[in-house]
Amino acid sequence: MAFQPKDLSVLAYANGFTLWHYTTPDAASAVRAGGYFNAAAHMLRVGDMVLANTSTGGTPAAGILVVAANALGTVDLTDMTAVGATNTD
């Protein structure tokens, strides 16, 4: 799939920083790839964080990505830092 603007939403905004949420059936590796969020380049700023739920159609994953670069309409995010990946039950 590709980036879906309807699946990106603001969770919090303060002092020039935005915390976003994004959900997608795409794998985390696709979401963090340079250019995936280009359609949202006008909204995303370097340092913004994206809480992501990925691979929602299969084995879901959750994590945090950071906007590492946004120049000339090309957005690049850091690798996803997994959240809740370990369950000791």
N, C-alpha and C. Protein backbone atom coordinates (compact mmCIF):
# COMPACT_ATOMS: atom_id res chain seq x y z
N MET A 1 0.83 -1.18 0.00
CA MET A 1 0.00 0.00 0.00
C MET A 1 0.88 1.24 0.00
N ALA A 2 0.25 2.36 0.16
CA ALA A 2 0.95 3.63 0.21
C ALA A 2 0.40 4.45 1.37
N PHE A 3 1.07 5.54 1.66
CA PHE A 3 0.63 6.45 2.71
C PHE A 3 -0.83 6.85 2.49
N GLN A 4 -1.61 6.81 3.57
CA GLN A 4 -3.01 7.22 3.54
C GLN A 4 -3.18 8.40 4.50
N PRO A 5 -3.41 9.61 3.98
CA PRO A 5 -3.53 10.78 4.86
C PRO A 5 -4.60 10.63 5.94
N LYS A 6 -5.66 9.91 5.65
CA LYS A 6 -6.75 9.74 6.62
C LYS A 6 -6.31 8.97 7.86
N ASP A 7 -5.19 8.24 7.76
CA ASP A 7 -4.71 7.42 8.86
C ASP A 7 -3.64 8.12 9.72
N LEU A 8 -3.36 9.39 9.42
CA LEU A 8 -2.40 10.18 10.19
C LEU A 8 -3.18 11.22 10.99
N SER A 9 -3.01 11.23 12.30
CA SER A 9 -3.74 12.19 13.11
C SER A 9 -2.85 12.77 14.20
N VAL A 10 -3.18 13.99 14.62
CA VAL A 10 -2.43 14.67 15.68
C VAL A 10 -2.93 14.19 17.03
N LEU A 11 -1.99 13.80 17.89
CA LEU A 11 -2.33 13.44 19.27
C LEU A 11 -2.09 14.62 20.20
N ALA A 12 -1.00 15.37 19.95
CA ALA A 12 -0.66 16.51 20.80
C ALA A 12 0.22 17.48 20.03
N TYR A 13 0.11 18.75 20.38
CA TYR A 13 0.94 19.78 19.77
C TYR A 13 1.33 20.77 20.85
N ALA A 14 2.62 21.09 20.94
CA ALA A 14 3.09 22.09 21.90
C ALA A 14 4.48 22.57 21.50
N ASN A 15 4.69 23.87 21.61
CA ASN A 15 6.01 24.47 21.41
C ASN A 15 6.67 24.07 20.10
N GLY A 16 5.91 23.98 19.02
CA GLY A 16 6.46 23.65 17.71
C GLY A 16 6.73 22.18 17.50
N PHE A 17 6.25 21.34 18.41
CA PHE A 17 6.42 19.89 18.32
C PHE A 17 5.04 19.25 18.17
N THR A 18 4.96 18.24 17.31
CA THR A 18 3.70 17.51 17.14
C THR A 18 3.94 16.04 17.37
N LEU A 19 3.05 15.44 18.15
CA LEU A 19 3.02 14.00 18.35
C LEU A 19 1.89 13.47 17.49
N TRP A 20 2.24 12.58 16.57
CA TRP A 20 1.29 12.03 15.59
C TRP A 20 0.97 10.58 15.90
N HIS A 21 -0.14 10.10 15.35
CA HIS A 21 -0.45 8.67 15.34
C HIS A 21 -0.72 8.28 13.90
N TYR A 22 -0.17 7.13 13.51
CA TYR A 22 -0.41 6.60 12.16
C TYR A 22 -0.66 5.11 12.25
N THR A 23 -1.68 4.64 11.56
CA THR A 23 -1.99 3.22 11.52
C THR A 23 -2.04 2.76 10.07
N THR A 24 -1.52 1.55 9.82
CA THR A 24 -1.45 1.06 8.45
C THR A 24 -1.23 -0.44 8.40
N PRO A 25 -1.70 -1.09 7.35
CA PRO A 25 -1.37 -2.49 7.16
C PRO A 25 0.06 -2.68 6.62
N ASP A 26 0.72 -1.59 6.24
CA ASP A 26 2.09 -1.66 5.73
C ASP A 26 3.06 -2.05 6.85
N ALA A 27 4.13 -2.69 6.47
CA ALA A 27 5.19 -3.07 7.42
C ALA A 27 5.95 -1.83 7.87
N ALA A 28 6.53 -1.91 9.07
CA ALA A 28 7.31 -0.79 9.61
C ALA A 28 8.45 -0.40 8.66
N SER A 29 9.05 -1.36 8.00
CA SER A 29 10.16 -1.06 7.08
C SER A 29 9.69 -0.20 5.92
N ALA A 30 8.46 -0.37 5.48
CA ALA A 30 7.92 0.45 4.40
C ALA A 30 7.60 1.86 4.90
N VAL A 31 7.03 1.93 6.10
CA VAL A 31 6.62 3.21 6.67
C VAL A 31 7.82 4.11 6.93
N ARG A 32 8.92 3.56 7.39
CA ARG A 32 10.09 4.37 7.71
C ARG A 32 10.93 4.70 6.47
N ALA A 33 10.63 4.10 5.36
CA ALA A 33 11.41 4.34 4.13
C ALA A 33 11.28 5.79 3.70
N GLY A 34 12.39 6.34 3.24
CA GLY A 34 12.40 7.71 2.74
C GLY A 34 11.34 7.90 1.67
N GLY A 35 10.54 8.93 1.81
CA GLY A 35 9.52 9.24 0.82
C GLY A 35 8.13 8.73 1.15
N TYR A 36 7.99 7.81 2.09
CA TYR A 36 6.67 7.25 2.40
C TYR A 36 5.70 8.35 2.81
N PHE A 37 6.16 9.32 3.62
CA PHE A 37 5.30 10.38 4.13
C PHE A 37 5.38 11.67 3.31
N ASN A 38 5.86 11.62 2.09
CA ASN A 38 6.03 12.83 1.28
C ASN A 38 4.73 13.63 1.13
N ALA A 39 3.61 12.94 1.05
CA ALA A 39 2.32 13.65 0.89
C ALA A 39 1.97 14.48 2.12
N ALA A 40 2.63 14.21 3.24
CA ALA A 40 2.39 14.97 4.47
C ALA A 40 3.55 15.90 4.79
N ALA A 41 4.44 16.14 3.82
CA ALA A 41 5.63 16.97 4.05
C ALA A 41 5.27 18.36 4.56
N HIS A 42 4.14 18.89 4.15
CA HIS A 42 3.74 20.23 4.57
C HIS A 42 3.31 20.27 6.04
N MET A 43 3.11 19.12 6.67
CA MET A 43 2.68 19.07 8.07
C MET A 43 3.77 18.59 9.03
N LEU A 44 4.64 17.72 8.56
CA LEU A 44 5.64 17.09 9.42
C LEU A 44 6.90 17.95 9.53
N ARG A 45 7.40 18.08 10.76
CA ARG A 45 8.62 18.85 10.99
C ARG A 45 9.69 17.94 11.60
N VAL A 46 10.94 18.26 11.32
CA VAL A 46 12.04 17.52 11.91
C VAL A 46 11.89 17.53 13.42
N GLY A 47 11.99 16.35 14.02
CA GLY A 47 11.84 16.21 15.46
C GLY A 47 10.46 15.75 15.89
N ASP A 48 9.46 15.90 15.02
CA ASP A 48 8.13 15.37 15.35
C ASP A 48 8.23 13.87 15.54
N MET A 49 7.37 13.31 16.39
CA MET A 49 7.33 11.87 16.62
C MET A 49 6.03 11.29 16.10
N VAL A 50 6.13 10.07 15.59
CA VAL A 50 4.97 9.36 15.08
C VAL A 50 4.84 8.05 15.85
N LEU A 51 3.74 7.92 16.60
CA LEU A 51 3.41 6.63 17.19
C LEU A 51 2.73 5.84 16.09
N ALA A 52 3.26 4.68 15.79
CA ALA A 52 2.76 3.93 14.65
C ALA A 52 2.28 2.54 15.04
N ASN A 53 1.16 2.16 14.44
CA ASN A 53 0.67 0.78 14.48
C ASN A 53 0.80 0.28 13.05
N THR A 54 1.72 -0.66 12.84
CA THR A 54 2.01 -1.15 11.49
C THR A 54 1.61 -2.62 11.35
N SER A 55 1.59 -3.07 10.12
CA SER A 55 1.24 -4.47 9.81
C SER A 55 -0.09 -4.87 10.44
N THR A 56 -1.05 -3.95 10.43
CA THR A 56 -2.32 -4.21 11.10
C THR A 56 -3.14 -5.31 10.44
N GLY A 57 -2.79 -5.69 9.22
CA GLY A 57 -3.50 -6.76 8.54
C GLY A 57 -2.89 -8.13 8.78
N GLY A 58 -1.77 -8.18 9.50
CA GLY A 58 -1.07 -9.44 9.74
C GLY A 58 -0.64 -9.55 11.18
N THR A 59 0.68 -9.56 11.38
CA THR A 59 1.23 -9.57 12.74
C THR A 59 1.54 -8.13 13.11
N PRO A 60 0.67 -7.50 13.91
CA PRO A 60 0.84 -6.08 14.18
C PRO A 60 2.10 -5.76 14.97
N ALA A 61 2.59 -4.55 14.73
CA ALA A 61 3.74 -4.02 15.46
C ALA A 61 3.41 -2.59 15.85
N ALA A 62 4.02 -2.13 16.93
CA ALA A 62 3.82 -0.76 17.38
C ALA A 62 5.17 -0.16 17.74
N GLY A 63 5.29 1.13 17.51
CA GLY A 63 6.54 1.77 17.84
C GLY A 63 6.52 3.27 17.61
N ILE A 64 7.70 3.86 17.78
CA ILE A 64 7.88 5.29 17.64
C ILE A 64 8.89 5.55 16.54
N LEU A 65 8.53 6.47 15.65
CA LEU A 65 9.44 6.94 14.61
C LEU A 65 9.61 8.45 14.81
N VAL A 66 10.74 8.98 14.40
CA VAL A 66 11.01 10.40 14.51
C VAL A 66 11.29 10.94 13.12
N VAL A 67 10.76 12.12 12.83
CA VAL A 67 11.03 12.76 11.55
C VAL A 67 12.49 13.23 11.58
N ALA A 68 13.33 12.56 10.79
CA ALA A 68 14.76 12.85 10.77
C ALA A 68 15.10 13.96 9.78
N ALA A 69 14.34 14.02 8.68
CA ALA A 69 14.60 15.04 7.66
C ALA A 69 13.32 15.33 6.90
N ASN A 70 13.21 16.58 6.46
CA ASN A 70 12.09 17.00 5.63
C ASN A 70 12.60 18.17 4.82
N ALA A 71 13.00 17.89 3.59
CA ALA A 71 13.55 18.93 2.74
C ALA A 71 13.05 18.76 1.31
N LEU A 72 12.61 19.86 0.74
CA LEU A 72 12.14 19.87 -0.65
C LEU A 72 11.05 18.84 -0.89
N GLY A 73 10.19 18.63 0.13
CA GLY A 73 9.07 17.72 -0.01
C GLY A 73 9.38 16.26 0.20
N THR A 74 10.62 15.94 0.59
CA THR A 74 10.99 14.55 0.85
C THR A 74 11.16 14.36 2.36
N VAL A 75 10.36 13.44 2.91
CA VAL A 75 10.36 13.17 4.34
C VAL A 75 11.08 11.85 4.60
N ASP A 76 11.94 11.86 5.62
CA ASP A 76 12.65 10.64 6.03
C ASP A 76 12.47 10.47 7.52
N LEU A 77 12.06 9.28 7.94
CA LEU A 77 11.87 8.97 9.35
C LEU A 77 12.95 8.00 9.82
N THR A 78 13.21 8.02 11.12
CA THR A 78 14.15 7.08 11.71
C THR A 78 13.55 5.67 11.68
N ASP A 79 14.38 4.67 11.94
CA ASP A 79 13.87 3.32 12.12
C ASP A 79 12.90 3.31 13.29
N MET A 80 11.93 2.41 13.25
CA MET A 80 10.94 2.35 14.31
C MET A 80 11.53 1.71 15.56
N THR A 81 11.36 2.40 16.69
CA THR A 81 11.71 1.84 17.98
C THR A 81 10.47 1.12 18.49
N ALA A 82 10.58 -0.18 18.63
CA ALA A 82 9.42 -1.00 19.02
C ALA A 82 8.96 -0.66 20.42
N VAL A 83 7.66 -0.71 20.61
CA VAL A 83 7.04 -0.51 21.92
C VAL A 83 6.16 -1.73 22.18
N GLY A 84 6.27 -2.29 23.36
CA GLY A 84 5.44 -3.43 23.71
C GLY A 84 5.79 -4.71 22.98
N ALA A 85 7.05 -4.82 22.53
CA ALA A 85 7.46 -5.98 21.76
C ALA A 85 7.69 -7.22 22.63
N THR A 86 7.89 -7.01 23.92
CA THR A 86 8.15 -8.13 24.81
C THR A 86 6.97 -8.34 25.74
N ASN A 87 6.51 -9.58 25.81
CA ASN A 87 5.41 -9.94 26.71
C ASN A 87 5.84 -11.19 27.45
N THR A 88 6.13 -11.08 28.73
CA THR A 88 6.69 -12.21 29.49
C THR A 88 5.63 -13.14 30.06
N ASP A 89 4.36 -12.93 29.74
CA ASP A 89 3.31 -13.84 30.23
C ASP A 89 3.37 -15.17 29.52
